[in-house]
Amino acid sequence: MPPERSRHQEKIIKNYYRNLDAISLQKATEQVTELYLSEGKKREQVWKRLVGHLEKMGMPQQQIDHLRTQDDPALVAEALKKFA
Protein backbone atom coordinates (compact mmCIF):
# COMPACT_ATOMS: atom_id res chain seq x y z
CA MET A 1 0.00 0.00 0.00
CA PRO A 2 1.54 3.32 -1.04
CA PRO A 3 2.16 5.92 1.65
CA GLU A 4 -0.27 8.79 1.90
CA ARG A 5 0.66 12.01 0.17
CA SER A 6 1.04 15.33 1.90
CA ARG A 7 -1.30 18.22 1.05
CA HIS A 8 1.54 19.87 -0.82
CA GLN A 9 2.08 16.77 -2.98
CA GLU A 10 -1.65 16.49 -3.67
CA LYS A 11 -1.72 20.13 -4.78
CA ILE A 12 1.20 19.58 -7.18
CA ILE A 13 -0.50 16.53 -8.70
CA LYS A 14 -3.82 18.35 -9.05
CA ASN A 15 -2.15 21.33 -10.75
CA TYR A 16 -0.31 19.03 -13.14
CA TYR A 17 -3.49 17.36 -14.33
CA ARG A 18 -5.34 20.67 -14.48
CA ASN A 19 -2.66 22.04 -16.83
CA LEU A 20 -2.02 18.85 -18.79
CA ASP A 21 -3.38 20.33 -22.04
CA ALA A 22 -1.06 23.33 -21.84
CA ILE A 23 1.90 21.15 -20.92
CA SER A 24 1.20 18.79 -23.83
CA LEU A 25 0.86 21.72 -26.23
CA GLN A 26 4.19 23.17 -25.14
CA LYS A 27 5.96 19.82 -25.46
CA ALA A 28 4.36 19.18 -28.86
CA THR A 29 5.58 22.59 -30.04
CA GLU A 30 9.09 21.72 -28.88
CA GLN A 31 8.90 18.43 -30.78
CA VAL A 32 7.88 20.27 -33.98
CA THR A 33 11.08 22.29 -33.67
CA GLU A 34 13.02 19.06 -33.28
CA LEU A 35 11.19 17.64 -36.29
CA TYR A 36 12.46 20.51 -38.46
CA LEU A 37 16.03 19.73 -37.41
CA SER A 38 16.06 15.93 -37.42
CA GLU A 39 16.31 13.27 -40.08
CA GLY A 40 16.59 9.50 -40.29
CA LYS A 41 16.21 7.43 -37.13
CA LYS A 42 16.09 10.49 -34.88
CA ARG A 43 13.13 11.82 -36.87
CA GLU A 44 11.23 8.59 -36.16
CA GLN A 45 11.89 9.00 -32.43
CA VAL A 46 10.71 12.61 -32.54
CA TRP A 47 7.51 11.52 -34.32
CA LYS A 48 6.81 8.90 -31.63
CA ARG A 49 7.09 11.50 -28.89
CA LEU A 50 5.08 14.03 -30.88
CA VAL A 51 2.24 11.56 -31.50
CA GLY A 52 2.06 10.89 -27.76
CA HIS A 53 1.71 14.59 -26.99
CA LEU A 54 -0.89 15.08 -29.71
CA GLU A 55 -2.95 12.23 -28.27
CA LYS A 56 -2.78 13.75 -24.79
CA MET A 57 -4.02 17.04 -26.22
CA GLY A 58 -7.07 15.30 -27.60
CA MET A 59 -6.31 15.57 -31.31
CA PRO A 60 -8.35 13.01 -33.31
CA GLN A 61 -6.39 9.92 -34.35
CA GLN A 62 -7.37 10.41 -37.99
CA GLN A 63 -5.76 13.85 -38.02
CA ILE A 64 -2.64 12.53 -36.29
CA ASP A 65 -2.35 9.76 -38.88
CA HIS A 66 -2.74 12.31 -41.69
CA LEU A 67 -0.02 14.54 -40.24
CA ARG A 68 2.23 11.51 -39.78
CA THR A 69 1.85 10.37 -43.39
CA GLN A 70 2.47 13.90 -44.71
CA ASP A 71 5.62 14.16 -42.53
CA ASP A 72 5.59 17.95 -42.81
CA PRO A 73 6.46 19.98 -39.69
CA ALA A 74 4.70 23.05 -41.13
CA LEU A 75 1.38 21.16 -41.23
CA VAL A 76 1.84 20.03 -37.64
CA ALA A 77 2.62 23.60 -36.54
CA GLU A 78 -0.51 24.83 -38.32
CA ALA A 79 -2.63 22.15 -36.61
CA LEU A 80 -1.21 23.11 -33.21
CA LYS A 81 -2.33 26.73 -33.68
CA LYS A 82 -5.94 25.53 -33.33
CA PHE A 83 -5.18 24.21 -29.84
CA ALA A 84 -3.41 27.36 -28.62
C-alpha atoms as a PDB file:
ATOM      1  CA  MET A   1       0.000   0.000   0.000  1.00  0.00           C
ATOM      2  CA  PRO A   2       1.538   3.322  -1.036  1.00  0.00           C
ATOM      3  CA  PRO A   3       2.161   5.921   1.652  1.00  0.00           C
ATOM      4  CA  GLU A   4      -0.269   8.794   1.902  1.00  0.00           C
ATOM      5  CA  ARG A   5       0.658  12.013   0.173  1.00  0.00           C
ATOM      6  CA  SER A   6       1.035  15.335   1.903  1.00  0.00           C
ATOM      7  CA  ARG A   7      -1.301  18.217   1.052  1.00  0.00           C
ATOM      8  CA  HIS A   8       1.539  19.869  -0.823  1.00  0.00           C
ATOM      9  CA  GLN A   9       2.078  16.767  -2.985  1.00  0.00           C
ATOM     10  CA  GLU A  10      -1.652  16.494  -3.668  1.00  0.00           C
ATOM     11  CA  LYS A  11      -1.722  20.134  -4.781  1.00  0.00           C
ATOM     12  CA  ILE A  12       1.203  19.580  -7.177  1.00  0.00           C
ATOM     13  CA  ILE A  13      -0.496  16.532  -8.704  1.00  0.00           C
ATOM     14  CA  LYS A  14      -3.819  18.348  -9.055  1.00  0.00           C
ATOM     15  CA  ASN A  15      -2.153  21.334 -10.755  1.00  0.00           C
ATOM     16  CA  TYR A  16      -0.306  19.030 -13.144  1.00  0.00           C
ATOM     17  CA  TYR A  17      -3.494  17.356 -14.333  1.00  0.00           C
ATOM     18  CA  ARG A  18      -5.337  20.672 -14.481  1.00  0.00           C
ATOM     19  CA  ASN A  19      -2.659  22.044 -16.827  1.00  0.00           C
ATOM     20  CA  LEU A  20      -2.018  18.845 -18.792  1.00  0.00           C
ATOM     21  CA  ASP A  21      -3.376  20.333 -22.035  1.00  0.00           C
ATOM     22  CA  ALA A  22      -1.057  23.334 -21.841  1.00  0.00           C
ATOM     23  CA  ILE A  23       1.905  21.146 -20.918  1.00  0.00           C
ATOM     24  CA  SER A  24       1.204  18.789 -23.827  1.00  0.00           C
ATOM     25  CA  LEU A  25       0.856  21.724 -26.227  1.00  0.00           C
ATOM     26  CA  GLN A  26       4.190  23.167 -25.140  1.00  0.00           C
ATOM     27  CA  LYS A  27       5.964  19.823 -25.462  1.00  0.00           C
ATOM     28  CA  ALA A  28       4.365  19.180 -28.861  1.00  0.00           C
ATOM     29  CA  THR A  29       5.580  22.585 -30.040  1.00  0.00           C
ATOM     30  CA  GLU A  30       9.092  21.722 -28.875  1.00  0.00           C
ATOM     31  CA  GLN A  31       8.900  18.431 -30.782  1.00  0.00           C
ATOM     32  CA  VAL A  32       7.878  20.265 -33.976  1.00  0.00           C
ATOM     33  CA  THR A  33      11.079  22.293 -33.674  1.00  0.00           C
ATOM     34  CA  GLU A  34      13.020  19.059 -33.280  1.00  0.00           C
ATOM     35  CA  LEU A  35      11.188  17.642 -36.295  1.00  0.00           C
ATOM     36  CA  TYR A  36      12.463  20.507 -38.464  1.00  0.00           C
ATOM     37  CA  LEU A  37      16.032  19.731 -37.410  1.00  0.00           C
ATOM     38  CA  SER A  38      16.061  15.935 -37.422  1.00  0.00           C
ATOM     39  CA  GLU A  39      16.306  13.271 -40.082  1.00  0.00           C
ATOM     40  CA  GLY A  40      16.590   9.497 -40.290  1.00  0.00           C
ATOM     41  CA  LYS A  41      16.213   7.433 -37.126  1.00  0.00           C
ATOM     42  CA  LYS A  42      16.095  10.486 -34.881  1.00  0.00           C
ATOM     43  CA  ARG A  43      13.132  11.819 -36.873  1.00  0.00           C
ATOM     44  CA  GLU A  44      11.235   8.588 -36.162  1.00  0.00           C
ATOM     45  CA  GLN A  45      11.888   8.998 -32.432  1.00  0.00           C
ATOM     46  CA  VAL A  46      10.713  12.607 -32.542  1.00  0.00           C
ATOM     47  CA  TRP A  47       7.507  11.518 -34.319  1.00  0.00           C
ATOM     48  CA  LYS A  48       6.810   8.896 -31.634  1.00  0.00           C
ATOM     49  CA  ARG A  49       7.087  11.504 -28.886  1.00  0.00           C
ATOM     50  CA  LEU A  50       5.078  14.031 -30.876  1.00  0.00           C
ATOM     51  CA  VAL A  51       2.237  11.565 -31.503  1.00  0.00           C
ATOM     52  CA  GLY A  52       2.062  10.888 -27.760  1.00  0.00           C
ATOM     53  CA  HIS A  53       1.714  14.594 -26.994  1.00  0.00           C
ATOM     54  CA  LEU A  54      -0.892  15.083 -29.710  1.00  0.00           C
ATOM     55  CA  GLU A  55      -2.954  12.226 -28.273  1.00  0.00           C
ATOM     56  CA  LYS A  56      -2.783  13.746 -24.785  1.00  0.00           C
ATOM     57  CA  MET A  57      -4.016  17.043 -26.225  1.00  0.00           C
ATOM     58  CA  GLY A  58      -7.075  15.295 -27.599  1.00  0.00           C
ATOM     59  CA  MET A  59      -6.310  15.566 -31.309  1.00  0.00           C
ATOM     60  CA  PRO A  60      -8.346  13.012 -33.306  1.00  0.00           C
ATOM     61  CA  GLN A  61      -6.391   9.915 -34.348  1.00  0.00           C
ATOM     62  CA  GLN A  62      -7.371  10.406 -37.989  1.00  0.00           C
ATOM     63  CA  GLN A  63      -5.764  13.850 -38.018  1.00  0.00           C
ATOM     64  CA  ILE A  64      -2.643  12.528 -36.286  1.00  0.00           C
ATOM     65  CA  ASP A  65      -2.351   9.765 -38.884  1.00  0.00           C
ATOM     66  CA  HIS A  66      -2.738  12.309 -41.693  1.00  0.00           C
ATOM     67  CA  LEU A  67      -0.016  14.538 -40.237  1.00  0.00           C
ATOM     68  CA  ARG A  68       2.231  11.514 -39.779  1.00  0.00           C
ATOM     69  CA  THR A  69       1.854  10.370 -43.385  1.00  0.00           C
ATOM     70  CA  GLN A  70       2.475  13.903 -44.714  1.00  0.00           C
ATOM     71  CA  ASP A  71       5.618  14.162 -42.529  1.00  0.00           C
ATOM     72  CA  ASP A  72       5.591  17.953 -42.811  1.00  0.00           C
ATOM     73  CA  PRO A  73       6.465  19.985 -39.689  1.00  0.00           C
ATOM     74  CA  ALA A  74       4.704  23.048 -41.129  1.00  0.00           C
ATOM     75  CA  LEU A  75       1.383  21.158 -41.233  1.00  0.00           C
ATOM     76  CA  VAL A  76       1.845  20.032 -37.637  1.00  0.00           C
ATOM     77  CA  ALA A  77       2.623  23.596 -36.544  1.00  0.00           C
ATOM     78  CA  GLU A  78      -0.514  24.832 -38.316  1.00  0.00           C
ATOM     79  CA  ALA A  79      -2.628  22.146 -36.608  1.00  0.00           C
ATOM     80  CA  LEU A  80      -1.211  23.115 -33.207  1.00  0.00           C
ATOM     81  CA  LYS A  81      -2.328  26.728 -33.677  1.00  0.00           C
ATOM     82  CA  LYS A  82      -5.941  25.525 -33.326  1.00  0.00           C
ATOM     83  CA  PHE A  83      -5.179  24.211 -29.844  1.00  0.00           C
ATOM     84  CA  ALA A  84      -3.414  27.356 -28.615  1.00  0.00           C
END
